[in-house]
Amino acid sequence: MNGPVELGPLQLGLAALLILLNAAISMRLQLGLGRRLLLASLRSVVQLSLLGLLLAWVFSVQGPWAVLPLMVLMALIAGFEAVRRTTRRVPGIFGASIGVVLATSMAITFYGLVVVIGVEPWYAPRYAVPILGMVLGNTLTGISLGLETTMRGFDRDRAQVELLLAHGATRKEASREVVRGAVRTGMIPILNSMVAAGLISIPGMMTGQILAGQDPASAARYQMFILFSIAAGVALGAMGVVLLVSRLVFDGRDRLRPERIRRVS
């Protein structure tokens, strides 16, 4: 067998039966996740179907005017979704997240396309879109965790931060431990993925290339490149957003303003 095995509606229907396992666990433990599980499944089907149609058009066009707007749109949505997953927010958090995600993900993707792989042209959609998507997916998680930890940290350690400020510490010095803890938390998932890659799991890109008939050794090298790119995206994204947002809870006179932090359901 030279090419990948095509999946039709019947095969996808059989695969969807596996969702019943999740439903059974939810019912058995009374988790109350049945509705959310159904909506999440339907949403993933709709989104992936639309993405498949969109990418088919982009691949057929093969022009930067089609690829670049799609990449920017993906980054904007990722920045928005990173904040939407948090339970505490501060005015300006959406702008900070979107700006950092857009800048870091695009820079790392362009570096990978032009410097590492040397794709010609750089906007070749079969490379540009999947690489950006994998960087964004993991960066989104890292930033979301970093943001949540930052907001919780200022809530939890408010007295300690204000004490340091009262003793003459600068805003950066007073918030240093909160920032460190938030960036560290944001990077944990990708560090765990890198440790497990190759021993416990076969990562997504390598799996896809092997299923498509690619040489496993070549697929492994591509996966290494993707992991390094993701790690850079998560580190830069989490650090950038945490530093920007940590400024938003202080006023122009370096006074902590915890009332700016609000909880969302």
C-alpha atoms as a PDB file:
ATOM      1  CA  MET A   1       0.000   0.000   0.000  1.00  0.00           C
ATOM      2  CA  ASN A   2       1.672   3.215  -1.188  1.00  0.00           C
ATOM      3  CA  GLY A   3      -0.765   5.962  -0.227  1.00  0.00           C
ATOM      4  CA  PRO A   4      -2.896   6.666   2.837  1.00  0.00           C
ATOM      5  CA  VAL A   5      -6.186   4.826   3.394  1.00  0.00           C
ATOM      6  CA  GLU A   6      -9.090   7.161   2.676  1.00  0.00           C
ATOM      7  CA  LEU A   7     -11.780   7.567   5.324  1.00  0.00           C
ATOM      8  CA  GLY A   8     -15.369   7.824   4.162  1.00  0.00           C
ATOM      9  CA  PRO A   9     -18.614   8.680   5.983  1.00  0.00           C
ATOM     10  CA  LEU A  10     -19.006   5.079   7.195  1.00  0.00           C
ATOM     11  CA  GLN A  11     -15.542   5.003   8.755  1.00  0.00           C
ATOM     12  CA  LEU A  12     -16.080   8.375  10.419  1.00  0.00           C
ATOM     13  CA  GLY A  13     -19.422   7.181  11.756  1.00  0.00           C
ATOM     14  CA  LEU A  14     -17.727   4.149  13.302  1.00  0.00           C
ATOM     15  CA  ALA A  15     -15.067   6.399  14.816  1.00  0.00           C
ATOM     16  CA  ALA A  16     -17.758   8.664  16.271  1.00  0.00           C
ATOM     17  CA  LEU A  17     -19.073   5.689  18.234  1.00  0.00           C
ATOM     18  CA  LEU A  18     -16.000   6.058  20.437  1.00  0.00           C
ATOM     19  CA  ILE A  19     -17.568   9.245  21.818  1.00  0.00           C
ATOM     20  CA  LEU A  20     -20.133   6.980  23.472  1.00  0.00           C
ATOM     21  CA  LEU A  21     -17.330   5.801  25.751  1.00  0.00           C
ATOM     22  CA  ASN A  22     -16.913   9.355  27.027  1.00  0.00           C
ATOM     23  CA  ALA A  23     -20.665   9.647  27.465  1.00  0.00           C
ATOM     24  CA  ALA A  24     -20.775   6.401  29.424  1.00  0.00           C
ATOM     25  CA  ILE A  25     -18.031   7.595  31.776  1.00  0.00           C
ATOM     26  CA  SER A  26     -19.823  10.900  32.264  1.00  0.00           C
ATOM     27  CA  MET A  27     -23.097   9.148  33.084  1.00  0.00           C
ATOM     28  CA  ARG A  28     -21.476   6.561  35.344  1.00  0.00           C
ATOM     29  CA  LEU A  29     -19.656   9.171  37.427  1.00  0.00           C
ATOM     30  CA  GLN A  30     -22.432  11.769  37.104  1.00  0.00           C
ATOM     31  CA  LEU A  31     -20.029  14.329  35.725  1.00  0.00           C
ATOM     32  CA  GLY A  32     -22.729  16.308  33.947  1.00  0.00           C
ATOM     33  CA  LEU A  33     -20.625  16.599  30.792  1.00  0.00           C
ATOM     34  CA  GLY A  34     -23.041  14.994  28.354  1.00  0.00           C
ATOM     35  CA  ARG A  35     -24.276  18.232  26.795  1.00  0.00           C
ATOM     36  CA  ARG A  36     -20.790  19.747  26.624  1.00  0.00           C
ATOM     37  CA  LEU A  37     -19.434  16.559  25.084  1.00  0.00           C
ATOM     38  CA  LEU A  38     -22.110  16.550  22.399  1.00  0.00           C
ATOM     39  CA  LEU A  39     -21.599  20.231  21.582  1.00  0.00           C
ATOM     40  CA  ALA A  40     -17.819  19.832  21.504  1.00  0.00           C
ATOM     41  CA  SER A  41     -18.102  16.862  19.145  1.00  0.00           C
ATOM     42  CA  LEU A  42     -20.476  18.683  16.807  1.00  0.00           C
ATOM     43  CA  ARG A  43     -18.317  21.795  16.879  1.00  0.00           C
ATOM     44  CA  SER A  44     -15.187  19.836  15.991  1.00  0.00           C
ATOM     45  CA  VAL A  45     -16.962  18.139  13.075  1.00  0.00           C
ATOM     46  CA  VAL A  46     -18.243  21.433  11.693  1.00  0.00           C
ATOM     47  CA  GLN A  47     -14.955  23.278  12.189  1.00  0.00           C
ATOM     48  CA  LEU A  48     -12.792  20.561  10.671  1.00  0.00           C
ATOM     49  CA  SER A  49     -15.155  20.124   7.725  1.00  0.00           C
ATOM     50  CA  LEU A  50     -15.083  23.853   6.994  1.00  0.00           C
ATOM     51  CA  LEU A  51     -11.310  23.918   7.450  1.00  0.00           C
ATOM     52  CA  GLY A  52     -10.930  21.088   4.962  1.00  0.00           C
ATOM     53  CA  LEU A  53     -12.939  23.004   2.364  1.00  0.00           C
ATOM     54  CA  LEU A  54     -11.055  26.225   3.040  1.00  0.00           C
ATOM     55  CA  LEU A  55      -7.644  24.593   2.815  1.00  0.00           C
ATOM     56  CA  ALA A  56      -8.619  22.837  -0.398  1.00  0.00           C
ATOM     57  CA  TRP A  57      -9.338  26.255  -1.906  1.00  0.00           C
ATOM     58  CA  VAL A  58      -6.154  27.809  -0.483  1.00  0.00           C
ATOM     59  CA  PHE A  59      -4.053  24.928  -1.786  1.00  0.00           C
ATOM     60  CA  SER A  60      -5.559  25.317  -5.236  1.00  0.00           C
ATOM     61  CA  VAL A  61      -4.901  29.081  -5.315  1.00  0.00           C
ATOM     62  CA  GLN A  62      -1.241  28.869  -4.200  1.00  0.00           C
ATOM     63  CA  GLY A  63      -0.925  32.634  -3.702  1.00  0.00           C
ATOM     64  CA  PRO A  64       0.289  34.749  -0.759  1.00  0.00           C
ATOM     65  CA  TRP A  65      -2.886  36.860  -0.857  1.00  0.00           C
ATOM     66  CA  ALA A  66      -4.833  33.727   0.137  1.00  0.00           C
ATOM     67  CA  VAL A  67      -2.327  32.132   2.534  1.00  0.00           C
ATOM     68  CA  LEU A  68      -1.202  35.154   4.559  1.00  0.00           C
ATOM     69  CA  PRO A  69      -4.718  36.387   5.518  1.00  0.00           C
ATOM     70  CA  LEU A  70      -5.589  32.860   6.622  1.00  0.00           C
ATOM     71  CA  MET A  71      -2.472  32.695   8.796  1.00  0.00           C
ATOM     72  CA  VAL A  72      -3.230  36.079  10.366  1.00  0.00           C
ATOM     73  CA  LEU A  73      -6.840  35.041  11.022  1.00  0.00           C
ATOM     74  CA  MET A  74      -5.662  31.838  12.714  1.00  0.00           C
ATOM     75  CA  ALA A  75      -3.325  33.824  14.981  1.00  0.00           C
ATOM     76  CA  LEU A  76      -6.045  36.341  15.879  1.00  0.00           C
ATOM     77  CA  ILE A  77      -8.482  33.599  16.823  1.00  0.00           C
ATOM     78  CA  ALA A  78      -5.824  31.814  18.893  1.00  0.00           C
ATOM     79  CA  GLY A  79      -5.040  34.991  20.827  1.00  0.00           C
ATOM     80  CA  PHE A  80      -8.733  35.533  21.536  1.00  0.00           C
ATOM     81  CA  GLU A  81      -9.336  31.917  22.559  1.00  0.00           C
ATOM     82  CA  ALA A  82      -6.373  31.954  24.947  1.00  0.00           C
ATOM     83  CA  VAL A  83      -8.084  34.662  27.002  1.00  0.00           C
ATOM     84  CA  ARG A  84     -11.545  33.137  26.679  1.00  0.00           C
ATOM     85  CA  ARG A  85     -10.347  30.061  28.556  1.00  0.00           C
ATOM     86  CA  THR A  86      -9.386  32.058  31.655  1.00  0.00           C
ATOM     87  CA  THR A  87     -11.576  32.737  34.689  1.00  0.00           C
ATOM     88  CA  ARG A  88     -10.000  36.080  35.633  1.00  0.00           C
ATOM     89  CA  ARG A  89      -9.421  39.029  33.351  1.00  0.00           C
ATOM     90  CA  VAL A  90      -8.150  42.586  33.429  1.00  0.00           C
ATOM     91  CA  PRO A  91      -8.899  45.432  30.975  1.00  0.00           C
ATOM     92  CA  GLY A  92      -6.553  45.180  27.993  1.00  0.00           C
ATOM     93  CA  ILE A  93      -5.919  41.446  28.338  1.00  0.00           C
ATOM     94  CA  PHE A  94      -7.419  40.580  24.939  1.00  0.00           C
ATOM     95  CA  GLY A  95      -5.235  43.087  23.115  1.00  0.00           C
ATOM     96  CA  ALA A  96      -2.111  41.872  24.905  1.00  0.00           C
ATOM     97  CA  SER A  97      -2.824  38.225  24.114  1.00  0.00           C
ATOM     98  CA  ILE A  98      -3.716  38.784  20.457  1.00  0.00           C
ATOM     99  CA  GLY A  99      -0.701  41.023  19.874  1.00  0.00           C
ATOM    100  CA  VAL A 100       1.783  38.616  21.432  1.00  0.00           C
ATOM    101  CA  VAL A 101       0.332  35.542  19.714  1.00  0.00           C
ATOM    102  CA  LEU A 102       0.350  37.257  16.336  1.00  0.00           C
ATOM    103  CA  ALA A 103       3.925  38.483  16.673  1.00  0.00           C
ATOM    104  CA  THR A 104       5.528  35.361  18.140  1.00  0.00           C
ATOM    105  CA  SER A 105       3.722  32.715  16.083  1.00  0.00           C
ATOM    106  CA  MET A 106       4.255  34.478  12.771  1.00  0.00           C
ATOM    107  CA  ALA A 107       7.930  35.171  13.520  1.00  0.00           C
ATOM    108  CA  ILE A 108       8.650  31.562  14.498  1.00  0.00           C
ATOM    109  CA  THR A 109       6.724  30.186  11.527  1.00  0.00           C
ATOM    110  CA  PHE A 110       8.550  32.441   9.066  1.00  0.00           C
ATOM    111  CA  TYR A 111      11.881  31.459  10.635  1.00  0.00           C
ATOM    112  CA  GLY A 112      11.022  27.791  10.222  1.00  0.00           C
ATOM    113  CA  LEU A 113       9.803  28.187   6.646  1.00  0.00           C
ATOM    114  CA  VAL A 114      12.627  30.394   5.372  1.00  0.00           C
ATOM    115  CA  VAL A 115      15.673  29.535   7.487  1.00  0.00           C
ATOM    116  CA  VAL A 116      15.144  25.944   8.644  1.00  0.00           C
ATOM    117  CA  ILE A 117      13.224  24.259   5.815  1.00  0.00           C
ATOM    118  CA  GLY A 118      13.967  26.731   3.047  1.00  0.00           C
ATOM    119  CA  VAL A 119      10.558  26.436   1.416  1.00  0.00           C
ATOM    120  CA  GLU A 120      10.191  28.029  -2.015  1.00  0.00           C
ATOM    121  CA  PRO A 121       8.013  30.025  -2.053  1.00  0.00           C
ATOM    122  CA  TRP A 122       7.791  30.691   1.685  1.00  0.00           C
ATOM    123  CA  TYR A 123       3.994  30.857   1.554  1.00  0.00           C
ATOM    124  CA  ALA A 124       3.576  27.317   0.196  1.00  0.00           C
ATOM    125  CA  PRO A 125       0.325  26.424   1.997  1.00  0.00           C
ATOM    126  CA  ARG A 126       1.141  22.735   2.516  1.00  0.00           C
ATOM    127  CA  TYR A 127       3.972  23.883   4.803  1.00  0.00           C
ATOM    128  CA  ALA A 128       2.970  27.317   6.106  1.00  0.00           C
ATOM    129  CA  VAL A 129      -0.554  26.576   7.324  1.00  0.00           C
ATOM    130  CA  PRO A 130       0.089  23.268   9.175  1.00  0.00           C
ATOM    131  CA  ILE A 131       3.273  24.546  10.835  1.00  0.00           C
ATOM    132  CA  LEU A 132       1.560  27.715  12.043  1.00  0.00           C
ATOM    133  CA  GLY A 133      -1.419  25.686  13.224  1.00  0.00           C
ATOM    134  CA  MET A 134       0.716  23.405  15.367  1.00  0.00           C
ATOM    135  CA  VAL A 135       2.629  26.341  16.847  1.00  0.00           C
ATOM    136  CA  LEU A 136      -0.609  28.197  17.592  1.00  0.00           C
ATOM    137  CA  GLY A 137      -2.382  25.230  19.155  1.00  0.00           C
ATOM    138  CA  ASN A 138       0.308  24.730  21.763  1.00  0.00           C
ATOM    139  CA  THR A 139       1.070  28.431  22.253  1.00  0.00           C
ATOM    140  CA  LEU A 140      -2.611  29.012  22.987  1.00  0.00           C
ATOM    141  CA  THR A 141      -2.506  26.471  25.815  1.00  0.00           C
ATOM    142  CA  GLY A 142       0.704  27.885  27.278  1.00  0.00           C
ATOM    143  CA  ILE A 143      -0.577  31.449  27.201  1.00  0.00           C
ATOM    144  CA  SER A 144      -3.931  30.477  28.701  1.00  0.00           C
ATOM    145  CA  LEU A 145      -2.234  28.707  31.610  1.00  0.00           C
ATOM    146  CA  GLY A 146       0.174  31.607  32.061  1.00  0.00           C
ATOM    147  CA  LEU A 147      -2.628  34.159  32.139  1.00  0.00           C
ATOM    148  CA  GLU A 148      -4.723  32.181  34.594  1.00  0.00           C
ATOM    149  CA  THR A 149      -1.737  31.684  36.895  1.00  0.00           C
ATOM    150  CA  THR A 150      -0.856  35.385  36.707  1.00  0.00           C
ATOM    151  CA  MET A 151      -4.331  36.547  37.683  1.00  0.00           C
ATOM    152  CA  ARG A 152      -4.595  33.967  40.458  1.00  0.00           C
ATOM    153  CA  GLY A 153      -1.125  34.907  41.665  1.00  0.00           C
ATOM    154  CA  PHE A 154      -1.951  38.582  42.104  1.00  0.00           C
ATOM    155  CA  ASP A 155      -5.183  37.624  43.850  1.00  0.00           C
ATOM    156  CA  ARG A 156      -3.450  35.147  46.156  1.00  0.00           C
ATOM    157  CA  ASP A 157      -0.238  37.079  46.836  1.00  0.00           C
ATOM    158  CA  ARG A 158      -1.735  40.556  46.960  1.00  0.00           C
ATOM    159  CA  ALA A 159      -0.491  41.179  50.520  1.00  0.00           C
ATOM    160  CA  GLN A 160       3.034  40.030  49.695  1.00  0.00           C
ATOM    161  CA  VAL A 161       3.215  42.198  46.563  1.00  0.00           C
ATOM    162  CA  GLU A 162       1.922  45.264  48.394  1.00  0.00           C
ATOM    163  CA  LEU A 163       4.387  44.652  51.249  1.00  0.00           C
ATOM    164  CA  LEU A 164       7.289  44.603  48.805  1.00  0.00           C
ATOM    165  CA  LEU A 165       6.034  47.799  47.193  1.00  0.00           C
ATOM    166  CA  ALA A 166       5.728  49.443  50.594  1.00  0.00           C
ATOM    167  CA  HIS A 167       9.359  48.588  51.314  1.00  0.00           C
ATOM    168  CA  GLY A 168      10.548  50.322  48.156  1.00  0.00           C
ATOM    169  CA  ALA A 169      10.449  47.501  45.609  1.00  0.00           C
ATOM    170  CA  THR A 170       9.673  48.397  42.018  1.00  0.00           C
ATOM    171  CA  ARG A 171       6.709  46.951  40.173  1.00  0.00           C
ATOM    172  CA  LYS A 172       8.985  44.437  38.427  1.00  0.00           C
ATOM    173  CA  GLU A 173      10.625  43.371  41.679  1.00  0.00           C
ATOM    174  CA  ALA A 174       7.333  43.027  43.533  1.00  0.00           C
ATOM    175  CA  SER A 175       5.708  40.931  40.804  1.00  0.00           C
ATOM    176  CA  ARG A 176       8.776  38.828  39.952  1.00  0.00           C
ATOM    177  CA  GLU A 177       7.667  35.648  41.710  1.00  0.00           C
ATOM    178  CA  VAL A 178       4.164  35.839  40.247  1.00  0.00           C
ATOM    179  CA  VAL A 179       5.615  36.266  36.759  1.00  0.00           C
ATOM    180  CA  ARG A 180       8.109  33.438  37.201  1.00  0.00           C
ATOM    181  CA  GLY A 181       5.447  31.054  38.438  1.00  0.00           C
ATOM    182  CA  ALA A 182       3.079  31.940  35.596  1.00  0.00           C
ATOM    183  CA  VAL A 183       5.657  31.480  32.828  1.00  0.00           C
ATOM    184  CA  ARG A 184       6.824  28.221  34.400  1.00  0.00           C
ATOM    185  CA  THR A 185       3.258  26.915  34.499  1.00  0.00           C
ATOM    186  CA  GLY A 186       2.659  27.908  30.887  1.00  0.00           C
ATOM    187  CA  MET A 187       5.687  25.931  29.732  1.00  0.00           C
ATOM    188  CA  ILE A 188       4.938  22.708  31.606  1.00  0.00           C
ATOM    189  CA  PRO A 189       2.690  21.087  28.925  1.00  0.00           C
ATOM    190  CA  ILE A 190       5.224  21.442  26.097  1.00  0.00           C
ATOM    191  CA  LEU A 191       8.052  20.231  28.358  1.00  0.00           C
ATOM    192  CA  ASN A 192       5.992  17.150  29.207  1.00  0.00           C
ATOM    193  CA  SER A 193       5.277  16.585  25.505  1.00  0.00           C
ATOM    194  CA  MET A 194       8.961  16.819  24.613  1.00  0.00           C
ATOM    195  CA  VAL A 195       9.931  14.368  27.347  1.00  0.00           C
ATOM    196  CA  ALA A 196       7.275  11.857  26.271  1.00  0.00           C
ATOM    197  CA  ALA A 197       7.849  12.210  22.510  1.00  0.00           C
ATOM    198  CA  GLY A 198       9.243   9.017  21.036  1.00  0.00           C
ATOM    199  CA  LEU A 199       9.017   6.967  24.229  1.00  0.00           C
ATOM    200  CA  ILE A 200       5.400   7.203  25.328  1.00  0.00           C
ATOM    201  CA  SER A 201       3.730   8.764  22.301  1.00  0.00           C
ATOM    202  CA  ILE A 202       4.228   9.369  18.600  1.00  0.00           C
ATOM    203  CA  PRO A 203       3.520  13.093  18.121  1.00  0.00           C
ATOM    204  CA  GLY A 204       0.884  14.358  15.727  1.00  0.00           C
ATOM    205  CA  MET A 205       2.983  15.535  12.805  1.00  0.00           C
ATOM    206  CA  MET A 206       5.120  12.395  12.771  1.00  0.00           C
ATOM    207  CA  THR A 207       2.002  10.245  12.920  1.00  0.00           C
ATOM    208  CA  GLY A 208       0.438  12.141  10.021  1.00  0.00           C
ATOM    209  CA  GLN A 209       3.509  11.825   7.841  1.00  0.00           C
ATOM    210  CA  ILE A 210       3.868   8.115   8.555  1.00  0.00           C
ATOM    211  CA  LEU A 211       0.201   7.541   7.712  1.00  0.00           C
ATOM    212  CA  ALA A 212       0.767   9.476   4.483  1.00  0.00           C
ATOM    213  CA  GLY A 213       3.594   7.113   3.512  1.00  0.00           C
ATOM    214  CA  GLN A 214       6.583   9.298   4.486  1.00  0.00           C
ATOM    215  CA  ASP A 215       9.870   7.709   5.536  1.00  0.00           C
ATOM    216  CA  PRO A 216       9.760   7.346   9.360  1.00  0.00           C
ATOM    217  CA  ALA A 217      13.268   8.774   9.793  1.00  0.00           C
ATOM    218  CA  SER A 218      12.341  11.872   7.789  1.00  0.00           C
ATOM    219  CA  ALA A 219       9.074  12.156   9.709  1.00  0.00           C
ATOM    220  CA  ALA A 220      11.027  12.036  12.970  1.00  0.00           C
ATOM    221  CA  ARG A 221      13.274  14.906  11.856  1.00  0.00           C
ATOM    222  CA  TYR A 222      10.254  17.015  10.923  1.00  0.00           C
ATOM    223  CA  GLN A 223       8.730  16.270  14.325  1.00  0.00           C
ATOM    224  CA  MET A 224      11.903  17.444  16.065  1.00  0.00           C
ATOM    225  CA  PHE A 225      11.723  20.697  14.126  1.00  0.00           C
ATOM    226  CA  ILE A 226       8.068  21.148  15.084  1.00  0.00           C
ATOM    227  CA  LEU A 227       8.721  20.445  18.758  1.00  0.00           C
ATOM    228  CA  PHE A 228      11.538  22.997  18.847  1.00  0.00           C
ATOM    229  CA  SER A 229       9.318  25.549  17.106  1.00  0.00           C
ATOM    230  CA  ILE A 230       6.441  24.895  19.480  1.00  0.00           C
ATOM    231  CA  ALA A 231       8.705  25.180  22.515  1.00  0.00           C
ATOM    232  CA  ALA A 232       9.964  28.565  21.289  1.00  0.00           C
ATOM    233  CA  GLY A 233       6.420  29.736  20.578  1.00  0.00           C
ATOM    234  CA  VAL A 234       5.160  28.712  24.007  1.00  0.00           C
ATOM    235  CA  ALA A 235       8.132  30.256  25.842  1.00  0.00           C
ATOM    236  CA  LEU A 236       8.004  33.567  23.980  1.00  0.00           C
ATOM    237  CA  GLY A 237       4.219  33.718  24.001  1.00  0.00           C
ATOM    238  CA  ALA A 238       3.792  32.913  27.677  1.00  0.00           C
ATOM    239  CA  MET A 239       6.571  35.271  28.738  1.00  0.00           C
ATOM    240  CA  GLY A 240       5.333  38.106  26.532  1.00  0.00           C
ATOM    241  CA  VAL A 241       1.712  37.903  27.605  1.00  0.00           C
ATOM    242  CA  VAL A 242       2.490  37.432  31.296  1.00  0.00           C
ATOM    243  CA  LEU A 243       4.831  40.447  31.313  1.00  0.00           C
ATOM    244  CA  LEU A 244       2.313  42.635  29.485  1.00  0.00           C
ATOM    245  CA  VAL A 245      -0.657  41.593  31.589  1.00  0.00           C
ATOM    246  CA  SER A 246       1.297  41.956  34.842  1.00  0.00           C
ATOM    247  CA  ARG A 247       1.654  45.639  33.949  1.00  0.00           C
ATOM    248  CA  LEU A 248      -2.093  46.006  33.571  1.00  0.00           C
ATOM    249  CA  VAL A 249      -2.753  45.308  37.258  1.00  0.00           C
ATOM    250  CA  PHE A 250      -0.576  48.262  38.250  1.00  0.00           C
ATOM    251  CA  ASP A 251      -1.287  51.931  37.664  1.00  0.00           C
ATOM    252  CA  GLY A 252       1.089  54.585  36.366  1.00  0.00           C
ATOM    253  CA  ARG A 253       2.535  55.076  39.852  1.00  0.00           C
ATOM    254  CA  ASP A 254       3.372  51.370  40.277  1.00  0.00           C
ATOM    255  CA  ARG A 255       0.505  50.771  42.689  1.00  0.00           C
ATOM    256  CA  LEU A 256      -1.173  47.379  42.641  1.00  0.00           C
ATOM    257  CA  ARG A 257      -4.804  47.683  41.519  1.00  0.00           C
ATOM    258  CA  PRO A 258      -6.408  44.312  42.318  1.00  0.00           C
ATOM    259  CA  GLU A 259      -9.877  45.750  41.688  1.00  0.00           C
ATOM    260  CA  ARG A 260      -9.050  45.675  37.978  1.00  0.00           C
ATOM    261  CA  ILE A 261      -9.072  41.883  38.073  1.00  0.00           C
ATOM    262  CA  ARG A 262     -12.564  40.541  37.566  1.00  0.00           C
ATOM    263  CA  ARG A 263     -13.895  37.008  37.599  1.00  0.00           C
ATOM    264  CA  VAL A 264     -15.852  35.605  34.672  1.00  0.00           C
ATOM    265  CA  SER A 265     -18.063  32.544  34.623  1.00  0.00           C
END
